[in-house]
Amino acid sequence: MDDLSKALGDIRSIRRRVAHTTKFRGYGPATLTATGVFAMLAAGAQIHWIPQPASHVRHYVGLWCATALVSAVLAGLQMYTRSRRLHSGLSDEMIHMAVEQFLPAVAAGILLTFVLLRTVPSVAWMLPGLWQVIFSLGIFASCRFLPRQVFVAGAWYLLTGMICLGFGGSRALSPWAMAIPFGVGQMLVAGILFFCAKERGHEG
């Protein structure tokens, strides 16, 4: 029995090592493009329904958090189905690795939003910039198992986050301060994954 447990443990360890040296292909370019479109649609919704976000910060945060949740669910569903199809027997390890890399950034963003809204709502204008900076860290953490060009997208989010923080005050709550960074950023990642997949196809 001990030998069987050891053998199973060795197999799991080997599978994890293989997963850590394999490029993750669970993110679909079409779905990532759709999440960029969602950001643009959310900006349109903000213009019509929350024209003064500085006076309705909770509504503003609710809109963008709902947009992020819908995007995450859509991306997660496709990540699961694509991983099952493209990574076959390694799909569970690959999905776990992808979530493990991005989860700290997601948790930090949620906790930071909650703390700022509860304790210092007067600086809630910093949230869009901070969200982008935190998102960039998640992308940087994921670069090790994605095409190296994805680093450019992480740098984009870091840059736009700093610019957004530099706006200061209510200007940082503009719908375009979220729509442009996330709309362009997600489409940039989608384009990188699409062209890298084509290159792999040509090489194959």
C-alpha atoms as a PDB file:
ATOM      1  CA  MET A   1       0.000   0.000   0.000  1.00  0.00           C
ATOM      2  CA  ASP A   2       2.855   2.370   0.833  1.00  0.00           C
ATOM      3  CA  ASP A   3       4.484   1.603  -2.517  1.00  0.00           C
ATOM      4  CA  LEU A   4       1.218   2.384  -4.317  1.00  0.00           C
ATOM      5  CA  SER A   5       0.822   5.696  -2.486  1.00  0.00           C
ATOM      6  CA  LYS A   6       4.419   6.608  -3.275  1.00  0.00           C
ATOM      7  CA  ALA A   7       3.954   5.700  -6.947  1.00  0.00           C
ATOM      8  CA  LEU A   8       0.791   7.812  -7.183  1.00  0.00           C
ATOM      9  CA  GLY A   9       2.586  10.684  -5.481  1.00  0.00           C
ATOM     10  CA  ASP A  10       5.455  10.409  -7.944  1.00  0.00           C
ATOM     11  CA  ILE A  11       3.013  10.459 -10.869  1.00  0.00           C
ATOM     12  CA  ARG A  12       1.299  13.585  -9.534  1.00  0.00           C
ATOM     13  CA  SER A  13       4.674  15.236  -9.063  1.00  0.00           C
ATOM     14  CA  ILE A  14       5.733  14.401 -12.623  1.00  0.00           C
ATOM     15  CA  ARG A  15       2.439  15.718 -14.002  1.00  0.00           C
ATOM     16  CA  ARG A  16       2.900  18.996 -12.102  1.00  0.00           C
ATOM     17  CA  ARG A  17       6.447  19.379 -13.440  1.00  0.00           C
ATOM     18  CA  VAL A  18       5.279  18.735 -16.993  1.00  0.00           C
ATOM     19  CA  ALA A  19       2.451  21.244 -16.544  1.00  0.00           C
ATOM     20  CA  HIS A  20       4.904  23.882 -15.307  1.00  0.00           C
ATOM     21  CA  THR A  21       7.004  23.507 -18.452  1.00  0.00           C
ATOM     22  CA  THR A  22       4.064  23.538 -20.896  1.00  0.00           C
ATOM     23  CA  LYS A  23       2.601  26.671 -22.458  1.00  0.00           C
ATOM     24  CA  PHE A  24      -0.985  27.157 -21.299  1.00  0.00           C
ATOM     25  CA  ARG A  25      -3.464  27.304 -24.190  1.00  0.00           C
ATOM     26  CA  GLY A  26      -6.688  27.596 -22.227  1.00  0.00           C
ATOM     27  CA  TYR A  27      -7.227  31.309 -22.876  1.00  0.00           C
ATOM     28  CA  GLY A  28      -9.229  31.775 -26.064  1.00  0.00           C
ATOM     29  CA  PRO A  29      -8.534  34.897 -28.184  1.00  0.00           C
ATOM     30  CA  ALA A  30     -12.221  35.292 -29.089  1.00  0.00           C
ATOM     31  CA  THR A  31     -13.302  35.224 -25.446  1.00  0.00           C
ATOM     32  CA  LEU A  32     -10.613  37.696 -24.419  1.00  0.00           C
ATOM     33  CA  THR A  33     -11.745  40.003 -27.215  1.00  0.00           C
ATOM     34  CA  ALA A  34     -15.302  39.694 -25.893  1.00  0.00           C
ATOM     35  CA  THR A  35     -14.162  40.784 -22.424  1.00  0.00           C
ATOM     36  CA  GLY A  36     -12.580  43.859 -24.016  1.00  0.00           C
ATOM     37  CA  VAL A  37     -15.920  44.609 -25.686  1.00  0.00           C
ATOM     38  CA  PHE A  38     -17.627  44.211 -22.301  1.00  0.00           C
ATOM     39  CA  ALA A  39     -15.387  46.979 -20.951  1.00  0.00           C
ATOM     40  CA  MET A  40     -16.540  49.281 -23.742  1.00  0.00           C
ATOM     41  CA  LEU A  41     -20.189  48.395 -23.084  1.00  0.00           C
ATOM     42  CA  ALA A  42     -19.712  49.047 -19.369  1.00  0.00           C
ATOM     43  CA  ALA A  43     -18.299  52.478 -20.211  1.00  0.00           C
ATOM     44  CA  GLY A  44     -21.426  53.201 -22.246  1.00  0.00           C
ATOM     45  CA  ALA A  45     -23.599  52.058 -19.344  1.00  0.00           C
ATOM     46  CA  GLN A  46     -21.673  54.334 -16.971  1.00  0.00           C
ATOM     47  CA  ILE A  47     -22.158  57.335 -19.255  1.00  0.00           C
ATOM     48  CA  HIS A  48     -25.934  56.808 -19.290  1.00  0.00           C
ATOM     49  CA  TRP A  49     -26.622  55.595 -15.746  1.00  0.00           C
ATOM     50  CA  ILE A  50     -23.789  56.974 -13.596  1.00  0.00           C
ATOM     51  CA  PRO A  51     -22.900  60.355 -15.139  1.00  0.00           C
ATOM     52  CA  GLN A  52     -21.480  61.594 -11.806  1.00  0.00           C
ATOM     53  CA  PRO A  53     -19.479  58.614 -10.509  1.00  0.00           C
ATOM     54  CA  ALA A  54     -17.725  60.662  -7.815  1.00  0.00           C
ATOM     55  CA  SER A  55     -21.135  61.130  -6.143  1.00  0.00           C
ATOM     56  CA  HIS A  56     -22.148  57.489  -6.629  1.00  0.00           C
ATOM     57  CA  VAL A  57     -18.939  55.575  -6.036  1.00  0.00           C
ATOM     58  CA  ARG A  58     -20.655  52.395  -4.888  1.00  0.00           C
ATOM     59  CA  HIS A  59     -22.736  52.271  -8.068  1.00  0.00           C
ATOM     60  CA  TYR A  60     -19.573  52.844 -10.076  1.00  0.00           C
ATOM     61  CA  VAL A  61     -17.740  50.032  -8.277  1.00  0.00           C
ATOM     62  CA  GLY A  62     -20.776  47.760  -8.612  1.00  0.00           C
ATOM     63  CA  LEU A  63     -20.923  48.293 -12.379  1.00  0.00           C
ATOM     64  CA  TRP A  64     -17.269  47.531 -12.975  1.00  0.00           C
ATOM     65  CA  CYS A  65     -17.192  44.621 -10.526  1.00  0.00           C
ATOM     66  CA  ALA A  66     -20.212  43.097 -12.295  1.00  0.00           C
ATOM     67  CA  THR A  67     -18.416  43.547 -15.623  1.00  0.00           C
ATOM     68  CA  ALA A  68     -15.306  41.867 -14.216  1.00  0.00           C
ATOM     69  CA  LEU A  69     -17.383  38.999 -12.813  1.00  0.00           C
ATOM     70  CA  VAL A  70     -19.163  38.335 -16.128  1.00  0.00           C
ATOM     71  CA  SER A  71     -15.816  38.459 -17.947  1.00  0.00           C
ATOM     72  CA  ALA A  72     -14.206  36.101 -15.427  1.00  0.00           C
ATOM     73  CA  VAL A  73     -17.046  33.585 -15.659  1.00  0.00           C
ATOM     74  CA  LEU A  74     -16.927  33.619 -19.462  1.00  0.00           C
ATOM     75  CA  ALA A  75     -13.130  33.285 -19.518  1.00  0.00           C
ATOM     76  CA  GLY A  76     -13.256  30.554 -16.880  1.00  0.00           C
ATOM     77  CA  LEU A  77     -15.800  28.481 -18.797  1.00  0.00           C
ATOM     78  CA  GLN A  78     -13.782  28.648 -21.985  1.00  0.00           C
ATOM     79  CA  MET A  79     -10.550  28.004 -20.111  1.00  0.00           C
ATOM     80  CA  TYR A  80     -12.081  24.790 -18.774  1.00  0.00           C
ATOM     81  CA  THR A  81     -13.403  23.575 -22.133  1.00  0.00           C
ATOM     82  CA  ARG A  82     -10.264  24.563 -24.112  1.00  0.00           C
ATOM     83  CA  SER A  83      -7.958  22.953 -21.553  1.00  0.00           C
ATOM     84  CA  ARG A  84      -9.950  19.721 -21.718  1.00  0.00           C
ATOM     85  CA  ARG A  85      -9.628  19.757 -25.502  1.00  0.00           C
ATOM     86  CA  LEU A  86      -6.041  21.013 -25.944  1.00  0.00           C
ATOM     87  CA  HIS A  87      -4.258  19.740 -22.827  1.00  0.00           C
ATOM     88  CA  SER A  88      -6.160  16.469 -22.514  1.00  0.00           C
ATOM     89  CA  GLY A  89      -4.870  14.505 -19.520  1.00  0.00           C
ATOM     90  CA  LEU A  90      -2.948  17.493 -18.144  1.00  0.00           C
ATOM     91  CA  SER A  91      -5.969  19.813 -18.167  1.00  0.00           C
ATOM     92  CA  ASP A  92      -6.573  19.719 -14.395  1.00  0.00           C
ATOM     93  CA  GLU A  93      -2.947  20.559 -13.630  1.00  0.00           C
ATOM     94  CA  MET A  94      -2.875  23.312 -16.266  1.00  0.00           C
ATOM     95  CA  ILE A  95      -6.083  24.931 -14.996  1.00  0.00           C
ATOM     96  CA  HIS A  96      -4.850  24.754 -11.417  1.00  0.00           C
ATOM     97  CA  MET A  97      -1.568  26.372 -12.438  1.00  0.00           C
ATOM     98  CA  ALA A  98      -3.345  29.196 -14.319  1.00  0.00           C
ATOM     99  CA  VAL A  99      -5.674  29.932 -11.402  1.00  0.00           C
ATOM    100  CA  GLU A 100      -2.814  29.698  -8.921  1.00  0.00           C
ATOM    101  CA  GLN A 101      -0.840  32.366 -10.787  1.00  0.00           C
ATOM    102  CA  PHE A 102      -3.689  34.869 -11.101  1.00  0.00           C
ATOM    103  CA  LEU A 103      -5.615  34.258  -7.864  1.00  0.00           C
ATOM    104  CA  PRO A 104      -3.387  36.393  -5.578  1.00  0.00           C
ATOM    105  CA  ALA A 105      -3.947  39.431  -7.813  1.00  0.00           C
ATOM    106  CA  VAL A 106      -7.714  38.851  -7.838  1.00  0.00           C
ATOM    107  CA  ALA A 107      -7.816  38.460  -4.066  1.00  0.00           C
ATOM    108  CA  ALA A 108      -5.714  41.595  -3.572  1.00  0.00           C
ATOM    109  CA  GLY A 109      -8.027  43.599  -5.844  1.00  0.00           C
ATOM    110  CA  ILE A 110     -11.157  42.457  -4.002  1.00  0.00           C
ATOM    111  CA  LEU A 111      -9.714  43.110  -0.551  1.00  0.00           C
ATOM    112  CA  LEU A 112      -8.297  46.493  -1.540  1.00  0.00           C
ATOM    113  CA  THR A 113     -11.651  47.587  -2.971  1.00  0.00           C
ATOM    114  CA  PHE A 114     -13.491  46.507   0.175  1.00  0.00           C
ATOM    115  CA  VAL A 115     -11.041  48.220   2.538  1.00  0.00           C
ATOM    116  CA  LEU A 116     -10.981  51.519   0.641  1.00  0.00           C
ATOM    117  CA  LEU A 117     -14.760  51.711   0.347  1.00  0.00           C
ATOM    118  CA  ARG A 118     -15.235  50.858   4.019  1.00  0.00           C
ATOM    119  CA  THR A 119     -12.533  53.012   5.572  1.00  0.00           C
ATOM    120  CA  VAL A 120     -11.511  55.824   3.202  1.00  0.00           C
ATOM    121  CA  PRO A 121     -14.184  56.242   0.496  1.00  0.00           C
ATOM    122  CA  SER A 122     -12.801  59.720  -0.205  1.00  0.00           C
ATOM    123  CA  VAL A 123      -9.877  58.108  -2.084  1.00  0.00           C
ATOM    124  CA  ALA A 124     -12.049  55.691  -4.074  1.00  0.00           C
ATOM    125  CA  TRP A 125     -10.959  57.579  -7.196  1.00  0.00           C
ATOM    126  CA  MET A 126      -7.712  55.606  -6.920  1.00  0.00           C
ATOM    127  CA  LEU A 127      -9.469  52.284  -7.526  1.00  0.00           C
ATOM    128  CA  PRO A 128      -9.384  52.265 -11.365  1.00  0.00           C
ATOM    129  CA  GLY A 129      -5.626  52.859 -11.400  1.00  0.00           C
ATOM    130  CA  LEU A 130      -5.010  50.356  -8.617  1.00  0.00           C
ATOM    131  CA  TRP A 131      -7.139  47.725 -10.368  1.00  0.00           C
ATOM    132  CA  GLN A 132      -5.043  48.119 -13.503  1.00  0.00           C
ATOM    133  CA  VAL A 133      -1.760  47.906 -11.599  1.00  0.00           C
ATOM    134  CA  ILE A 134      -2.919  44.784  -9.759  1.00  0.00           C
ATOM    135  CA  PHE A 135      -4.144  43.241 -13.019  1.00  0.00           C
ATOM    136  CA  SER A 136      -0.728  43.878 -14.556  1.00  0.00           C
ATOM    137  CA  LEU A 137       0.887  41.964 -11.697  1.00  0.00           C
ATOM    138  CA  GLY A 138      -1.409  39.025 -12.401  1.00  0.00           C
ATOM    139  CA  ILE A 139      -0.350  39.084 -16.043  1.00  0.00           C
ATOM    140  CA  PHE A 140       3.342  39.313 -15.150  1.00  0.00           C
ATOM    141  CA  ALA A 141       2.909  36.322 -12.828  1.00  0.00           C
ATOM    142  CA  SER A 142       1.262  34.383 -15.662  1.00  0.00           C
ATOM    143  CA  CYS A 143       3.956  35.165 -18.248  1.00  0.00           C
ATOM    144  CA  ARG A 144       5.974  32.103 -17.315  1.00  0.00           C
ATOM    145  CA  PHE A 145       3.443  29.745 -18.928  1.00  0.00           C
ATOM    146  CA  LEU A 146       2.119  32.065 -21.672  1.00  0.00           C
ATOM    147  CA  PRO A 147       3.848  33.402 -24.806  1.00  0.00           C
ATOM    148  CA  ARG A 148       6.585  35.822 -23.735  1.00  0.00           C
ATOM    149  CA  GLN A 149       4.966  38.618 -25.781  1.00  0.00           C
ATOM    150  CA  VAL A 150       2.174  38.766 -23.173  1.00  0.00           C
ATOM    151  CA  PHE A 151       4.679  40.763 -21.094  1.00  0.00           C
ATOM    152  CA  VAL A 152       3.781  43.725 -23.343  1.00  0.00           C
ATOM    153  CA  ALA A 153       0.166  43.531 -22.155  1.00  0.00           C
ATOM    154  CA  GLY A 154       1.302  43.518 -18.534  1.00  0.00           C
ATOM    155  CA  ALA A 155       3.409  46.604 -19.219  1.00  0.00           C
ATOM    156  CA  TRP A 156       0.368  48.243 -20.880  1.00  0.00           C
ATOM    157  CA  TYR A 157      -1.799  47.743 -17.798  1.00  0.00           C
ATOM    158  CA  LEU A 158       0.967  48.969 -15.515  1.00  0.00           C
ATOM    159  CA  LEU A 159       1.406  52.103 -17.618  1.00  0.00           C
ATOM    160  CA  THR A 160      -2.308  52.872 -17.862  1.00  0.00           C
ATOM    161  CA  GLY A 161      -2.713  52.263 -14.137  1.00  0.00           C
ATOM    162  CA  MET A 162      -0.013  54.804 -13.341  1.00  0.00           C
ATOM    163  CA  ILE A 163      -1.536  57.319 -15.767  1.00  0.00           C
ATOM    164  CA  CYS A 164      -4.946  56.810 -14.207  1.00  0.00           C
ATOM    165  CA  LEU A 165      -3.547  57.392 -10.717  1.00  0.00           C
ATOM    166  CA  GLY A 166      -1.843  60.500 -12.056  1.00  0.00           C
ATOM    167  CA  PHE A 167      -5.204  61.950 -13.114  1.00  0.00           C
ATOM    168  CA  GLY A 168      -6.242  62.358  -9.475  1.00  0.00           C
ATOM    169  CA  GLY A 169      -9.753  63.081  -8.226  1.00  0.00           C
ATOM    170  CA  SER A 170     -12.947  62.528 -10.202  1.00  0.00           C
ATOM    171  CA  ARG A 171     -11.160  62.475 -13.575  1.00  0.00           C
ATOM    172  CA  ALA A 172      -9.843  59.022 -12.682  1.00  0.00           C
ATOM    173  CA  LEU A 173     -13.452  57.781 -12.504  1.00  0.00           C
ATOM    174  CA  SER A 174     -14.109  58.631 -16.150  1.00  0.00           C
ATOM    175  CA  PRO A 175     -15.609  55.648 -18.018  1.00  0.00           C
ATOM    176  CA  TRP A 176     -12.753  55.831 -20.512  1.00  0.00           C
ATOM    177  CA  ALA A 177     -10.179  55.475 -17.731  1.00  0.00           C
ATOM    178  CA  MET A 178     -11.402  51.873 -17.486  1.00  0.00           C
ATOM    179  CA  ALA A 179     -12.733  51.188 -20.978  1.00  0.00           C
ATOM    180  CA  ILE A 180      -9.597  52.129 -22.903  1.00  0.00           C
ATOM    181  CA  PRO A 181      -7.068  50.271 -20.707  1.00  0.00           C
ATOM    182  CA  PHE A 182      -9.131  47.086 -20.406  1.00  0.00           C
ATOM    183  CA  GLY A 183     -10.662  47.219 -23.881  1.00  0.00           C
ATOM    184  CA  VAL A 184      -7.310  47.689 -25.588  1.00  0.00           C
ATOM    185  CA  GLY A 185      -5.437  45.480 -23.112  1.00  0.00           C
ATOM    186  CA  GLN A 186      -7.694  42.452 -23.509  1.00  0.00           C
ATOM    187  CA  MET A 187      -7.677  42.754 -27.276  1.00  0.00           C
ATOM    188  CA  LEU A 188      -3.885  43.043 -27.160  1.00  0.00           C
ATOM    189  CA  VAL A 189      -3.619  39.777 -25.215  1.00  0.00           C
ATOM    190  CA  ALA A 190      -6.104  38.151 -27.607  1.00  0.00           C
ATOM    191  CA  GLY A 191      -4.050  39.271 -30.602  1.00  0.00           C
ATOM    192  CA  ILE A 192      -0.825  37.954 -29.095  1.00  0.00           C
ATOM    193  CA  LEU A 193      -2.365  34.560 -28.340  1.00  0.00           C
ATOM    194  CA  PHE A 194      -3.949  34.376 -31.787  1.00  0.00           C
ATOM    195  CA  PHE A 195      -0.749  35.093 -33.717  1.00  0.00           C
ATOM    196  CA  CYS A 196       1.340  32.841 -31.478  1.00  0.00           C
ATOM    197  CA  ALA A 197      -1.158  30.034 -32.108  1.00  0.00           C
ATOM    198  CA  LYS A 198      -0.835  30.614 -35.870  1.00  0.00           C
ATOM    199  CA  GLU A 199       2.959  30.441 -35.573  1.00  0.00           C
ATOM    200  CA  ARG A 200       2.686  27.145 -33.702  1.00  0.00           C
ATOM    201  CA  GLY A 201       0.403  25.881 -36.453  1.00  0.00           C
ATOM    202  CA  HIS A 202       2.899  26.838 -39.158  1.00  0.00           C
ATOM    203  CA  GLU A 203       5.716  25.214 -37.229  1.00  0.00           C
ATOM    204  CA  GLY A 204       3.649  22.098 -36.828  1.00  0.00           C
END
